[in-house]
C-alpha atoms as a PDB file:
ATOM      1  CA  MET A   1      14.329  13.479 -16.919  1.00  0.00           C
ATOM      2  CA  SER A   2      12.448  14.534 -14.023  1.00  0.00           C
ATOM      3  CA  ALA A   3       8.873  15.311 -13.572  1.00  0.00           C
ATOM      4  CA  ARG A   4       7.028  18.127 -11.954  1.00  0.00           C
ATOM      5  CA  PRO A   5       4.255  16.441  -9.901  1.00  0.00           C
ATOM      6  CA  GLY A   6       0.955  17.800  -9.915  1.00  0.00           C
ATOM      7  CA  ALA A   7       2.164  19.356 -13.220  1.00  0.00           C
ATOM      8  CA  ASP A   8      -0.762  18.938 -15.895  1.00  0.00           C
ATOM      9  CA  ALA A   9      -1.712  16.665 -13.272  1.00  0.00           C
ATOM     10  CA  PRO A  10      -5.373  15.418 -12.307  1.00  0.00           C
ATOM     11  CA  GLY A  11      -4.849  17.390  -9.120  1.00  0.00           C
ATOM     12  CA  THR A  12      -4.306  20.371 -10.487  1.00  0.00           C
ATOM     13  CA  GLN A  13      -8.047  21.934 -10.568  1.00  0.00           C
ATOM     14  CA  ARG A  14     -10.002  18.958  -8.544  1.00  0.00           C
ATOM     15  CA  PRO A  15     -13.357  19.944  -7.488  1.00  0.00           C
ATOM     16  CA  LEU A  16     -13.484  20.046  -3.570  1.00  0.00           C
ATOM     17  CA  ALA A  17     -16.576  17.847  -2.065  1.00  0.00           C
ATOM     18  CA  PRO A  18     -19.367  19.896  -1.030  1.00  0.00           C
ATOM     19  CA  GLU A  19     -19.066  20.954   2.634  1.00  0.00           C
ATOM     20  CA  ARG A  20     -20.392  23.497   5.250  1.00  0.00           C
ATOM     21  CA  ILE A  21     -18.746  23.078   8.645  1.00  0.00           C
ATOM     22  CA  ARG A  22     -17.348  19.671   8.570  1.00  0.00           C
ATOM     23  CA  PHE A  23     -13.944  20.666   6.928  1.00  0.00           C
ATOM     24  CA  LEU A  24     -13.066  23.099  10.150  1.00  0.00           C
ATOM     25  CA  ALA A  25     -12.869  20.114  12.450  1.00  0.00           C
ATOM     26  CA  ARG A  26     -10.738  18.117   9.917  1.00  0.00           C
ATOM     27  CA  THR A  27      -7.605  19.984  10.565  1.00  0.00           C
ATOM     28  CA  PRO A  28      -7.858  19.688  14.044  1.00  0.00           C
ATOM     29  CA  PHE A  29      -8.942  15.977  14.304  1.00  0.00           C
ATOM     30  CA  TYR A  30      -5.589  14.914  12.466  1.00  0.00           C
ATOM     31  CA  ALA A  31      -3.397  17.236  14.756  1.00  0.00           C
ATOM     32  CA  ALA A  32      -5.092  15.590  18.046  1.00  0.00           C
ATOM     33  CA  ARG A  33      -4.409  12.355  16.707  1.00  0.00           C
ATOM     34  CA  GLY A  34      -1.125  12.497  15.905  1.00  0.00           C
ATOM     35  CA  ALA A  35      -0.001  14.434  19.026  1.00  0.00           C
ATOM     36  CA  ARG A  36      -1.821  11.667  21.174  1.00  0.00           C
ATOM     37  CA  ALA A  37       0.118   8.850  18.809  1.00  0.00           C
ATOM     38  CA  ARG A  38       3.838  11.036  19.602  1.00  0.00           C
ATOM     39  CA  VAL A  39       2.978  10.908  23.553  1.00  0.00           C
ATOM     40  CA  LEU A  40       2.399   7.565  23.536  1.00  0.00           C
ATOM     41  CA  ALA A  41       5.727   6.674  21.299  1.00  0.00           C
ATOM     42  CA  ARG A  42       7.447   7.964  24.748  1.00  0.00           C
ATOM     43  CA  VAL A  43       5.964   5.183  27.274  1.00  0.00           C
ATOM     44  CA  PRO A  44       8.716   3.056  27.923  1.00  0.00           C
ATOM     45  CA  VAL A  45       7.736  -0.598  26.888  1.00  0.00           C
ATOM     46  CA  THR A  46       7.212  -2.904  30.232  1.00  0.00           C
ATOM     47  CA  SER A  47       9.777  -5.090  30.461  1.00  0.00           C
ATOM     48  CA  ALA A  48       7.438  -7.875  30.936  1.00  0.00           C
ATOM     49  CA  LEU A  49       6.164  -7.815  27.463  1.00  0.00           C
ATOM     50  CA  ARG A  50       7.062 -10.611  25.511  1.00  0.00           C
ATOM     51  CA  TYR A  51       7.874  -9.564  21.665  1.00  0.00           C
ATOM     52  CA  ARG A  52       6.422 -11.435  18.784  1.00  0.00           C
ATOM     53  CA  PRO A  53       7.391 -10.713  15.242  1.00  0.00           C
ATOM     54  CA  PRO A  54       4.269  -8.887  13.560  1.00  0.00           C
ATOM     55  CA  ILE A  55       2.549  -9.875  10.481  1.00  0.00           C
ATOM     56  CA  PHE A  56       2.181  -6.900   8.502  1.00  0.00           C
ATOM     57  CA  ILE A  57      -0.491  -7.339   5.209  1.00  0.00           C
ATOM     58  CA  ILE A  58       0.711  -5.711   2.453  1.00  0.00           C
ATOM     59  CA  GLY A  59      -0.627  -5.009  -1.416  1.00  0.00           C
ATOM     60  CA  CYS A  60      -1.184  -2.188  -3.389  1.00  0.00           C
ATOM     61  CA  GLY A  61      -4.325  -0.201  -2.445  1.00  0.00           C
ATOM     62  CA  ARG A  62      -7.627  -1.274  -3.332  1.00  0.00           C
ATOM     63  CA  SER A  63      -6.283  -4.845  -4.039  1.00  0.00           C
ATOM     64  CA  GLY A  64      -8.251  -6.513  -1.437  1.00  0.00           C
ATOM     65  CA  THR A  65      -5.785  -5.669   2.058  1.00  0.00           C
ATOM     66  CA  THR A  66      -8.941  -4.225   3.778  1.00  0.00           C
ATOM     67  CA  LEU A  67     -10.890  -7.027   3.592  1.00  0.00           C
ATOM     68  CA  LEU A  68      -8.005  -9.556   4.172  1.00  0.00           C
ATOM     69  CA  GLY A  69      -7.052  -7.416   7.640  1.00  0.00           C
ATOM     70  CA  GLU A  70     -10.936  -7.544   8.690  1.00  0.00           C
ATOM     71  CA  LEU A  71     -10.617 -11.543   8.518  1.00  0.00           C
ATOM     72  CA  PHE A  72      -7.548 -11.224  10.356  1.00  0.00           C
ATOM     73  CA  ALA A  73      -8.893  -8.552  12.757  1.00  0.00           C
ATOM     74  CA  ALA A  74     -11.559 -11.353  13.533  1.00  0.00           C
ATOM     75  CA  HIS A  75      -9.083 -13.989  14.691  1.00  0.00           C
ATOM     76  CA  PRO A  76      -8.690 -14.862  18.281  1.00  0.00           C
ATOM     77  CA  ALA A  77      -4.982 -14.981  18.506  1.00  0.00           C
ATOM     78  CA  VAL A  78      -4.535 -11.570  16.709  1.00  0.00           C
ATOM     79  CA  ARG A  79      -4.327  -7.987  17.691  1.00  0.00           C
ATOM     80  CA  TYR A  80      -5.276  -5.850  14.477  1.00  0.00           C
ATOM     81  CA  ARG A  81      -4.297  -2.561  13.299  1.00  0.00           C
ATOM     82  CA  TYR A  82      -5.849  -0.578  10.650  1.00  0.00           C
ATOM     83  CA  GLU A  83      -3.690   1.751   8.729  1.00  0.00           C
ATOM     84  CA  PRO A  84      -2.064   3.223  11.582  1.00  0.00           C
ATOM     85  CA  TYR A  85      -0.590   5.944  10.036  1.00  0.00           C
ATOM     86  CA  HIS A  86      -1.104   8.426  13.095  1.00  0.00           C
ATOM     87  CA  ARG A  87       1.423   5.859  14.539  1.00  0.00           C
ATOM     88  CA  TRP A  88       3.751   5.499  12.131  1.00  0.00           C
ATOM     89  CA  ALA A  89       3.780   9.514  12.022  1.00  0.00           C
ATOM     90  CA  ALA A  90       4.684   9.091  15.802  1.00  0.00           C
ATOM     91  CA  ILE A  91       7.516   6.380  14.828  1.00  0.00           C
ATOM     92  CA  ASP A  92       9.284   8.516  11.917  1.00  0.00           C
ATOM     93  CA  PRO A  93       7.575  11.822  10.581  1.00  0.00           C
ATOM     94  CA  MET A  94       9.719  10.712   7.323  1.00  0.00           C
ATOM     95  CA  THR A  95       6.592   7.446   6.985  1.00  0.00           C
ATOM     96  CA  ASP A  96       3.600  10.263   6.961  1.00  0.00           C
ATOM     97  CA  PHE A  97       2.981  10.105   3.184  1.00  0.00           C
ATOM     98  CA  LEU A  98      -0.039  11.715   3.276  1.00  0.00           C
ATOM     99  CA  GLN A  99       1.059  14.392   5.064  1.00  0.00           C
ATOM    100  CA  LEU A 100      -1.979  14.319   7.705  1.00  0.00           C
ATOM    101  CA  TYR A 101       0.354  14.516  10.937  1.00  0.00           C
ATOM    102  CA  SER A 102       3.535  16.271   9.961  1.00  0.00           C
ATOM    103  CA  ARG A 103       5.085  18.693   7.982  1.00  0.00           C
ATOM    104  CA  GLY A 104       8.309  18.278   6.120  1.00  0.00           C
ATOM    105  CA  GLU A 105      10.352  15.506   4.464  1.00  0.00           C
ATOM    106  CA  HIS A 106       8.121  12.346   3.761  1.00  0.00           C
ATOM    107  CA  HIS A 107       8.653   9.130   1.407  1.00  0.00           C
ATOM    108  CA  CYS A 108       6.405   6.474   0.432  1.00  0.00           C
ATOM    109  CA  LEU A 109       9.585   4.201  -0.669  1.00  0.00           C
ATOM    110  CA  LEU A 110      11.815   3.251   2.346  1.00  0.00           C
ATOM    111  CA  GLY A 111      14.389   0.864   2.928  1.00  0.00           C
ATOM    112  CA  ALA A 112      16.425  -0.482   5.783  1.00  0.00           C
ATOM    113  CA  ASP A 113      18.641   2.608   6.122  1.00  0.00           C
ATOM    114  CA  ALA A 114      15.737   4.590   7.038  1.00  0.00           C
ATOM    115  CA  ALA A 115      15.171   2.740  10.120  1.00  0.00           C
ATOM    116  CA  THR A 116      16.701   4.395  13.044  1.00  0.00           C
ATOM    117  CA  VAL A 117      17.512   3.034  16.752  1.00  0.00           C
ATOM    118  CA  THR A 118      14.238   5.382  17.703  1.00  0.00           C
ATOM    119  CA  ALA A 119      12.016   4.256  15.115  1.00  0.00           C
ATOM    120  CA  ARG A 120      12.475   0.721  16.410  1.00  0.00           C
ATOM    121  CA  ARG A 121      12.355   1.248  19.917  1.00  0.00           C
ATOM    122  CA  ARG A 122       9.036   3.945  19.165  1.00  0.00           C
ATOM    123  CA  PHE A 123       7.841   0.977  16.991  1.00  0.00           C
ATOM    124  CA  ARG A 124       7.949  -1.614  19.832  1.00  0.00           C
ATOM    125  CA  ARG A 125       6.032   1.140  21.719  1.00  0.00           C
ATOM    126  CA  LEU A 126       3.141   1.609  19.595  1.00  0.00           C
ATOM    127  CA  MET A 127       2.870  -2.025  17.214  1.00  0.00           C
ATOM    128  CA  SER A 128       2.682  -4.353  20.310  1.00  0.00           C
ATOM    129  CA  ALA A 129       0.334  -6.903  21.112  1.00  0.00           C
ATOM    130  CA  PRO A 130      -0.827  -8.408  24.437  1.00  0.00           C
ATOM    131  CA  PRO A 131       0.951 -11.785  25.769  1.00  0.00           C
ATOM    132  CA  GLY A 132       0.022 -14.201  23.868  1.00  0.00           C
ATOM    133  CA  PHE A 133      -1.423 -12.430  20.731  1.00  0.00           C
ATOM    134  CA  THR A 134      -0.037 -11.698  17.446  1.00  0.00           C
ATOM    135  CA  LEU A 135      -0.010  -7.798  16.376  1.00  0.00           C
ATOM    136  CA  VAL A 136      -1.218  -7.816  12.274  1.00  0.00           C
ATOM    137  CA  GLU A 137      -0.916  -4.314  10.993  1.00  0.00           C
ATOM    138  CA  LYS A 138      -1.978  -3.315   7.299  1.00  0.00           C
ATOM    139  CA  SER A 139      -1.176  -0.587   5.529  1.00  0.00           C
ATOM    140  CA  PRO A 140      -1.117  -0.905   1.465  1.00  0.00           C
ATOM    141  CA  VAL A 141       1.900   1.686   1.524  1.00  0.00           C
ATOM    142  CA  ASN A 142       4.033  -0.237   3.716  1.00  0.00           C
ATOM    143  CA  THR A 143       4.618  -2.852  -0.088  1.00  0.00           C
ATOM    144  CA  LEU A 144       6.847  -0.165  -0.577  1.00  0.00           C
ATOM    145  CA  ARG A 145       8.699  -0.166   2.663  1.00  0.00           C
ATOM    146  CA  ILE A 146       9.693  -3.724   2.862  1.00  0.00           C
ATOM    147  CA  GLY A 147      12.870  -3.140   4.044  1.00  0.00           C
ATOM    148  CA  TYR A 148      12.106  -0.649   6.337  1.00  0.00           C
ATOM    149  CA  LEU A 149       9.596  -2.968   7.616  1.00  0.00           C
ATOM    150  CA  ASP A 150      12.172  -5.995   7.629  1.00  0.00           C
ATOM    151  CA  ALA A 151      14.472  -3.815  10.088  1.00  0.00           C
ATOM    152  CA  VAL A 152      12.057  -2.163  12.800  1.00  0.00           C
ATOM    153  CA  ALA A 153      10.775  -5.508  12.882  1.00  0.00           C
ATOM    154  CA  PRO A 154      12.626  -8.611  12.657  1.00  0.00           C
ATOM    155  CA  GLU A 155      11.657 -11.810  11.689  1.00  0.00           C
ATOM    156  CA  ALA A 156       8.133 -10.247  11.037  1.00  0.00           C
ATOM    157  CA  ARG A 157       6.191 -12.240   8.013  1.00  0.00           C
ATOM    158  CA  PHE A 158       4.509 -10.741   4.724  1.00  0.00           C
ATOM    159  CA  VAL A 159       1.411 -11.381   3.544  1.00  0.00           C
ATOM    160  CA  HIS A 160       0.875 -10.004   0.280  1.00  0.00           C
ATOM    161  CA  ILE A 161      -2.341 -10.369  -1.461  1.00  0.00           C
ATOM    162  CA  VAL A 162      -2.154  -8.937  -5.153  1.00  0.00           C
ATOM    163  CA  ARG A 163      -5.521  -8.205  -7.713  1.00  0.00           C
ATOM    164  CA  ASP A 164      -5.938  -7.660 -11.305  1.00  0.00           C
ATOM    165  CA  GLY A 165      -4.615  -3.932 -11.794  1.00  0.00           C
ATOM    166  CA  ILE A 166      -7.253  -2.627 -14.264  1.00  0.00           C
ATOM    167  CA  ASP A 167      -9.798  -3.403 -11.343  1.00  0.00           C
ATOM    168  CA  VAL A 168      -6.892  -1.861  -9.011  1.00  0.00           C
ATOM    169  CA  THR A 169      -6.397   1.069 -10.843  1.00  0.00           C
ATOM    170  CA  ARG A 170     -10.201   1.695 -11.562  1.00  0.00           C
ATOM    171  CA  SER A 171     -10.878   1.819  -7.725  1.00  0.00           C
ATOM    172  CA  ILE A 172      -8.454   4.098  -7.233  1.00  0.00           C
ATOM    173  CA  GLU A 173      -9.775   6.732  -9.974  1.00  0.00           C
ATOM    174  CA  ARG A 174     -13.201   6.584  -8.468  1.00  0.00           C
ATOM    175  CA  MET A 175     -11.581   7.326  -4.877  1.00  0.00           C
ATOM    176  CA  ALA A 176      -9.037   9.907  -6.313  1.00  0.00           C
ATOM    177  CA  ALA A 177     -12.715  11.266  -7.033  1.00  0.00           C
ATOM    178  CA  VAL A 178     -13.227  12.899  -3.948  1.00  0.00           C
ATOM    179  CA  THR A 179     -11.110  15.705  -2.644  1.00  0.00           C
ATOM    180  CA  ARG A 180     -11.883  17.670   0.591  1.00  0.00           C
ATOM    181  CA  ARG A 181     -11.387  20.828   1.881  1.00  0.00           C
ATOM    182  CA  MET A 182      -8.875  21.394   5.424  1.00  0.00           C
ATOM    183  CA  ALA A 183      -8.568  24.274   7.410  1.00  0.00           C
ATOM    184  CA  PHE A 184      -5.678  26.395   6.706  1.00  0.00           C
ATOM    185  CA  ARG A 185      -4.228  23.636   5.009  1.00  0.00           C
ATOM    186  CA  PRO A 186      -4.035  22.252   1.192  1.00  0.00           C
ATOM    187  CA  PRO A 187      -7.331  20.290   0.399  1.00  0.00           C
ATOM    188  CA  LEU A 188      -7.113  16.761   0.912  1.00  0.00           C
ATOM    189  CA  ASN A 189      -7.179  14.094  -1.816  1.00  0.00           C
ATOM    190  CA  GLU A 190      -9.261  10.786  -0.438  1.00  0.00           C
ATOM    191  CA  TRP A 191      -5.988   8.510  -2.262  1.00  0.00           C
ATOM    192  CA  TRP A 192      -2.862  11.090  -2.970  1.00  0.00           C
ATOM    193  CA  GLY A 193      -3.443  12.959   0.439  1.00  0.00           C
ATOM    194  CA  VAL A 194      -2.908  16.696   1.856  1.00  0.00           C
ATOM    195  CA  GLY A 195      -2.008  18.882  -1.766  1.00  0.00           C
ATOM    196  CA  GLU A 196      -1.110  15.588  -3.220  1.00  0.00           C
ATOM    197  CA  ALA A 197       1.320  14.912  -1.008  1.00  0.00           C
ATOM    198  CA  LYS A 198       1.566  11.282  -1.444  1.00  0.00           C
ATOM    199  CA  TRP A 199       1.855  11.656  -5.384  1.00  0.00           C
ATOM    200  CA  THR A 200       4.747  13.948  -5.320  1.00  0.00           C
ATOM    201  CA  ALA A 201       6.321  11.425  -2.776  1.00  0.00           C
ATOM    202  CA  LEU A 202       5.717   8.733  -5.289  1.00  0.00           C
ATOM    203  CA  VAL A 203       7.052  10.203  -8.223  1.00  0.00           C
ATOM    204  CA  ARG A 204      10.268  11.718  -6.093  1.00  0.00           C
ATOM    205  CA  ASP A 205      10.413   8.458  -4.937  1.00  0.00           C
ATOM    206  CA  GLY A 206      10.107   6.213  -7.679  1.00  0.00           C
ATOM    207  CA  GLN A 207      12.398   8.338  -9.642  1.00  0.00           C
ATOM    208  CA  ALA A 208      14.942   8.568  -7.491  1.00  0.00           C
ATOM    209  CA  VAL A 209      15.741   4.567  -7.592  1.00  0.00           C
ATOM    210  CA  GLY A 210      14.790   4.322 -11.519  1.00  0.00           C
ATOM    211  CA  TYR A 211      11.219   3.371 -11.559  1.00  0.00           C
ATOM    212  CA  TYR A 212      10.554   4.433 -14.516  1.00  0.00           C
ATOM    213  CA  PRO A 213      11.545   8.257 -14.891  1.00  0.00           C
ATOM    214  CA  ASP A 214      11.096   8.929 -18.243  1.00  0.00           C
ATOM    215  CA  GLU A 215       7.905   8.190 -18.504  1.00  0.00           C
ATOM    216  CA  VAL A 216       6.146   9.063 -15.074  1.00  0.00           C
ATOM    217  CA  CYS A 217       5.616  12.331 -16.228  1.00  0.00           C
ATOM    218  CA  GLN A 218       3.384  11.398 -19.304  1.00  0.00           C
ATOM    219  CA  LEU A 219       0.618  10.008 -16.581  1.00  0.00           C
ATOM    220  CA  THR A 220      -2.062  12.353 -16.845  1.00  0.00           C
ATOM    221  CA  THR A 221      -4.901  10.404 -15.423  1.00  0.00           C
ATOM    222  CA  ASP A 222      -5.678   9.051 -11.631  1.00  0.00           C
ATOM    223  CA  ALA A 223      -5.895   5.620 -13.344  1.00  0.00           C
ATOM    224  CA  GLN A 224      -2.602   5.679 -15.212  1.00  0.00           C
ATOM    225  CA  ARG A 225      -0.880   7.188 -11.713  1.00  0.00           C
ATOM    226  CA  GLY A 226      -2.814   4.157  -9.949  1.00  0.00           C
ATOM    227  CA  ALA A 227      -1.059   2.023 -12.277  1.00  0.00           C
ATOM    228  CA  TYR A 228       2.187   3.304 -11.508  1.00  0.00           C
ATOM    229  CA  GLU A 229       1.394   2.890  -7.700  1.00  0.00           C
ATOM    230  CA  TRP A 230       0.376  -0.792  -8.538  1.00  0.00           C
ATOM    231  CA  LEU A 231       3.479  -1.432 -10.845  1.00  0.00           C
ATOM    232  CA  LEU A 232       5.905   0.109  -8.194  1.00  0.00           C
ATOM    233  CA  SER A 233       3.965  -2.322  -5.164  1.00  0.00           C
ATOM    234  CA  LEU A 234       5.025  -5.251  -7.592  1.00  0.00           C
ATOM    235  CA  ARG A 235       8.350  -4.647  -8.486  1.00  0.00           C
ATOM    236  CA  GLU A 236       9.196  -3.839  -4.578  1.00  0.00           C
ATOM    237  CA  VAL A 237       7.511  -7.601  -3.654  1.00  0.00           C
ATOM    238  CA  GLN A 238       9.643  -8.708  -6.994  1.00  0.00           C
ATOM    239  CA  GLY A 239      12.497  -7.718  -5.198  1.00  0.00           C
ATOM    240  CA  TRP A 240      12.413  -8.843  -2.046  1.00  0.00           C
ATOM    241  CA  ARG A 241      10.171 -12.036  -2.477  1.00  0.00           C
ATOM    242  CA  ALA A 242      13.277 -14.543  -2.358  1.00  0.00           C
ATOM    243  CA  ARG A 243      14.778 -12.403   0.410  1.00  0.00           C
ATOM    244  CA  LEU A 244      12.113 -12.872   2.624  1.00  0.00           C
ATOM    245  CA  GLY A 245      11.564 -16.810   1.974  1.00  0.00           C
ATOM    246  CA  LEU A 246       9.188 -18.561   4.129  1.00  0.00           C
ATOM    247  CA  ARG A 247       8.162 -15.179   5.845  1.00  0.00           C
ATOM    248  CA  PHE A 248       6.370 -13.902   2.616  1.00  0.00           C
ATOM    249  CA  VAL A 249       3.123 -15.585   1.529  1.00  0.00           C
ATOM    250  CA  GLU A 250       1.049 -14.050  -1.557  1.00  0.00           C
ATOM    251  CA  LEU A 251      -2.454 -14.764  -2.773  1.00  0.00           C
ATOM    252  CA  ARG A 252      -4.673 -13.676  -5.082  1.00  0.00           C
ATOM    253  CA  TYR A 253      -7.713 -11.432  -4.251  1.00  0.00           C
ATOM    254  CA  GLN A 254      -9.914 -13.561  -7.068  1.00  0.00           C
ATOM    255  CA  ASP A 255      -8.668 -16.837  -4.794  1.00  0.00           C
ATOM    256  CA  LEU A 256      -9.464 -15.647  -1.474  1.00  0.00           C
ATOM    257  CA  ALA A 257     -13.131 -14.222  -3.202  1.00  0.00           C
ATOM    258  CA  GLY A 258     -13.496 -17.649  -4.796  1.00  0.00           C
ATOM    259  CA  ASP A 259     -12.371 -20.294  -2.385  1.00  0.00           C
ATOM    260  CA  PRO A 260     -12.239 -18.299   1.350  1.00  0.00           C
ATOM    261  CA  GLY A 261     -12.025 -21.559   2.897  1.00  0.00           C
ATOM    262  CA  THR A 262      -8.894 -23.319   1.017  1.00  0.00           C
ATOM    263  CA  THR A 263      -7.034 -20.052   0.835  1.00  0.00           C
ATOM    264  CA  LEU A 264      -7.604 -18.770   4.408  1.00  0.00           C
ATOM    265  CA  ARG A 265      -6.497 -22.360   5.384  1.00  0.00           C
ATOM    266  CA  THR A 266      -3.471 -22.232   3.576  1.00  0.00           C
ATOM    267  CA  VAL A 267      -2.268 -18.211   4.901  1.00  0.00           C
ATOM    268  CA  MET A 268      -3.076 -19.548   8.588  1.00  0.00           C
ATOM    269  CA  ASP A 269      -0.747 -22.289   8.022  1.00  0.00           C
ATOM    270  CA  ARG A 270       2.225 -20.324   6.434  1.00  0.00           C
ATOM    271  CA  VAL A 271       2.351 -17.504   9.148  1.00  0.00           C
ATOM    272  CA  GLY A 272       1.812 -19.869  11.700  1.00  0.00           C
ATOM    273  CA  LEU A 273      -1.456 -19.225  13.255  1.00  0.00           C
ATOM    274  CA  PRO A 274      -4.403 -21.776  14.193  1.00  0.00           C
ATOM    275  CA  CYS A 275      -7.539 -21.879  11.771  1.00  0.00           C
ATOM    276  CA  PRO A 276     -10.449 -22.304  14.765  1.00  0.00           C
ATOM    277  CA  ASP A 277     -13.565 -23.864  12.713  1.00  0.00           C
ATOM    278  CA  SER A 278     -15.838 -21.262  13.989  1.00  0.00           C
ATOM    279  CA  TRP A 279     -13.633 -18.640  12.821  1.00  0.00           C
ATOM    280  CA  LEU A 280     -13.007 -20.049   9.377  1.00  0.00           C
ATOM    281  CA  GLU A 281     -16.873 -20.338   9.105  1.00  0.00           C
ATOM    282  CA  GLN A 282     -17.294 -16.408   9.881  1.00  0.00           C
ATOM    283  CA  ALA A 283     -14.990 -15.342   7.760  1.00  0.00           C
ATOM    284  CA  ILE A 284     -16.033 -17.363   4.999  1.00  0.00           C
ATOM    285  CA  ALA A 285     -19.694 -15.521   5.051  1.00  0.00           C
ATOM    286  CA  ARG A 286     -17.703 -12.245   4.969  1.00  0.00           C
ATOM    287  CA  VAL A 287     -16.596 -12.788   1.820  1.00  0.00           C
ATOM    288  CA  SER A 288     -18.193 -11.742  -1.318  1.00  0.00           C
ATOM    289  CA  PRO A 289     -17.979 -12.756  -5.117  1.00  0.00           C
ATOM    290  CA  ALA A 290     -14.975 -10.434  -6.911  1.00  0.00           C
ATOM    291  CA  ASN A 291     -16.336  -7.852  -9.151  1.00  0.00           C
ATOM    292  CA  SER A 292     -14.229  -7.106 -12.119  1.00  0.00           C
ATOM    293  CA  SER A 293     -13.274  -3.985 -14.485  1.00  0.00           C
ATOM    294  CA  ALA A 294     -11.128  -5.909 -16.749  1.00  0.00           C
ATOM    295  CA  GLY A 295     -12.849  -4.909 -19.976  1.00  0.00           C
ATOM    296  CA  THR A 296     -12.020  -1.164 -19.276  1.00  0.00           C
ATOM    297  CA  GLY A 297      -9.245   0.182 -21.011  1.00  0.00           C
ATOM    298  CA  LEU A 298      -5.903   1.605 -19.664  1.00  0.00           C
ATOM    299  CA  ALA A 299      -3.221   3.472 -21.833  1.00  0.00           C
ATOM    300  CA  LEU A 300       0.479   3.650 -20.460  1.00  0.00           C
ATOM    301  CA  PRO A 301       3.828   4.754 -22.007  1.00  0.00           C
ATOM    302  CA  ASP A 302       5.830   1.838 -23.635  1.00  0.00           C
ATOM    303  CA  GLN A 303       7.792   0.516 -20.596  1.00  0.00           C
ATOM    304  CA  MET A 304       5.013   0.873 -18.439  1.00  0.00           C
ATOM    305  CA  CYS A 305       2.750  -0.892 -20.593  1.00  0.00           C
ATOM    306  CA  GLY A 306       5.007  -4.010 -21.148  1.00  0.00           C
ATOM    307  CA  ASP A 307       5.777  -4.757 -17.028  1.00  0.00           C
ATOM    308  CA  PHE A 308       2.225  -3.801 -16.624  1.00  0.00           C
ATOM    309  CA  ASN A 309       0.883  -6.753 -18.773  1.00  0.00           C
ATOM    310  CA  GLY A 310       3.787  -9.229 -17.901  1.00  0.00           C
ATOM    311  CA  PHE A 311       2.859  -8.682 -14.052  1.00  0.00           C
ATOM    312  CA  GLN A 312      -0.806  -9.406 -15.447  1.00  0.00           C
ATOM    313  CA  ALA A 313      -0.022 -12.870 -17.320  1.00  0.00           C
ATOM    314  CA  SER A 314       2.502 -13.726 -14.392  1.00  0.00           C
ATOM    315  CA  PHE A 315      -0.595 -13.800 -12.030  1.00  0.00           C
ATOM    316  CA  GLY A 316      -3.163 -15.207 -14.459  1.00  0.00           C
ATOM    317  CA  PHE A 317      -5.158 -11.557 -14.708  1.00  0.00           C
ATOM    318  CA  LYS A 318      -7.018 -11.371 -17.901  1.00  0.00           C
ATOM    319  CA  GLY A 319      -7.275  -7.076 -18.198  1.00  0.00           C
ATOM    320  CA  ARG A 320      -4.255  -5.661 -20.316  1.00  0.00           C
ATOM    321  CA  ALA A 321      -2.851  -2.193 -20.722  1.00  0.00           C
ATOM    322  CA  THR A 322      -2.860  -0.902 -24.290  1.00  0.00           C
ATOM    323  CA  LEU A 323      -0.088   1.644 -25.695  1.00  0.00           C
ATOM    324  CA  ARG A 324      -0.450   5.371 -24.795  1.00  0.00           C
ATOM    325  CA  ASN A 325       0.042   7.146 -28.541  1.00  0.00           C
ATOM    326  CA  PRO A 326       0.607   3.451 -29.780  1.00  0.00           C
ATOM    327  CA  GLY A 327       0.966   4.724 -33.332  1.00  0.00           C
ATOM    328  CA  GLY A 328      -1.696   2.256 -34.999  1.00  0.00           C
ATOM    329  CA  ARG A 329      -0.919  -0.802 -32.484  1.00  0.00           C
ATOM    330  CA  GLY A 330      -3.134  -2.053 -30.215  1.00  0.00           C
ATOM    331  CA  VAL A 331      -1.745  -4.087 -27.526  1.00  0.00           C
ATOM    332  CA  CYS A 332       1.589  -3.058 -26.173  1.00  0.00           C
ATOM    333  CA  GLY A 333       3.914  -5.078 -28.644  1.00  0.00           C
ATOM    334  CA  GLU A 334       5.964  -7.273 -25.339  1.00  0.00           C
ATOM    335  CA  GLU A 335       4.915  -8.740 -22.072  1.00  0.00           C
ATOM    336  CA  ARG A 336       7.823  -8.869 -19.937  1.00  0.00           C
ATOM    337  CA  GLY A 337       7.389 -11.570 -18.076  1.00  0.00           C
ATOM    338  CA  GLN A 338       9.349 -10.945 -15.133  1.00  0.00           C
ATOM    339  CA  PRO A 339       9.369  -7.168 -14.839  1.00  0.00           C
ATOM    340  CA  GLY A 340      10.313  -7.005 -11.082  1.00  0.00           C
ATOM    341  CA  ASN A 341      13.763  -8.500 -12.191  1.00  0.00           C
ATOM    342  CA  ARG A 342      14.561  -5.724 -14.490  1.00  0.00           C
ATOM    343  CA  THR A 343      17.571  -3.342 -13.270  1.00  0.00           C
ATOM    344  CA  SER A 344      16.885  -0.242 -10.796  1.00  0.00           C
ATOM    345  CA  SER A 345      18.927   1.945  -8.948  1.00  0.00           C
ATOM    346  CA  ARG A 346      17.136   0.906  -5.479  1.00  0.00           C
ATOM    347  CA  SER A 347      19.411  -0.531  -2.844  1.00  0.00           C
ATOM    348  CA  ARG A 348      18.468  -3.573  -0.950  1.00  0.00           C
END
């Protein structure tokens, strides 16, 4: 059964944010930014530049990746890149899941087979750090591209941050409520991209590898769609955790917010970076207590509901989803303890 992404979905008739002139500059801004990145991608790499494996901060969007990235950015041994989607689009247009910098084939999920020789070469040109520094890159969508990243950047390390799925879905719902006009292009949703391009790709890619192919067409709200993205992110991580071994580090957002000192010391030790007292003190001061929406309900189809609650339980999160059209039942009848171990057609 295949879904028609966007049909009967919240993106069909979204209200546009009120703007008079600013929208006219949006399209040329992204076009110019993308063009500059494509020029830089063709500049030869200096032979004297020593390559250090990068660190990728991953995690479903709205899980605390931005906060964690900002803490890394302040580290004296790090060169940080925040969601450099224009650079990724210059490395390979297929990565442009928001369709801001290219128009054509695009994907959310990418495996090692998509990592071409050209992509590897351009990655070195656009994602390198000066001698003595380590590149740290943060893009939530990369949680769905671990195999691709592992191929373009061998020996890369991955820091995965995970947050209560209820909090994540409600945060995504708030972000997706904003849609802006684009001159000569479909509207740009703050979460789902130009003309809902991200959602289209997420559904297509997810169905192709067997992620809830018969249930995704039942999702009618941004919160439900956010839950789908959260689930795909965690299932991809589940499939790669053992393979990455010591190159994989995982933390919960609530632990970072509740005890940033201990959490950051552990993360720095695992990724091989020093933990200067001065940096740690500043980092601790920047972290605020976590807010929670765990009491807010989220209705999902049966298989997604069970997997959602299974992940919630495995990470010790309190929030739970309920069954959509549960026929009188409350929470899902089954919490699958290891959702990521279920059969998928995705080739790793």
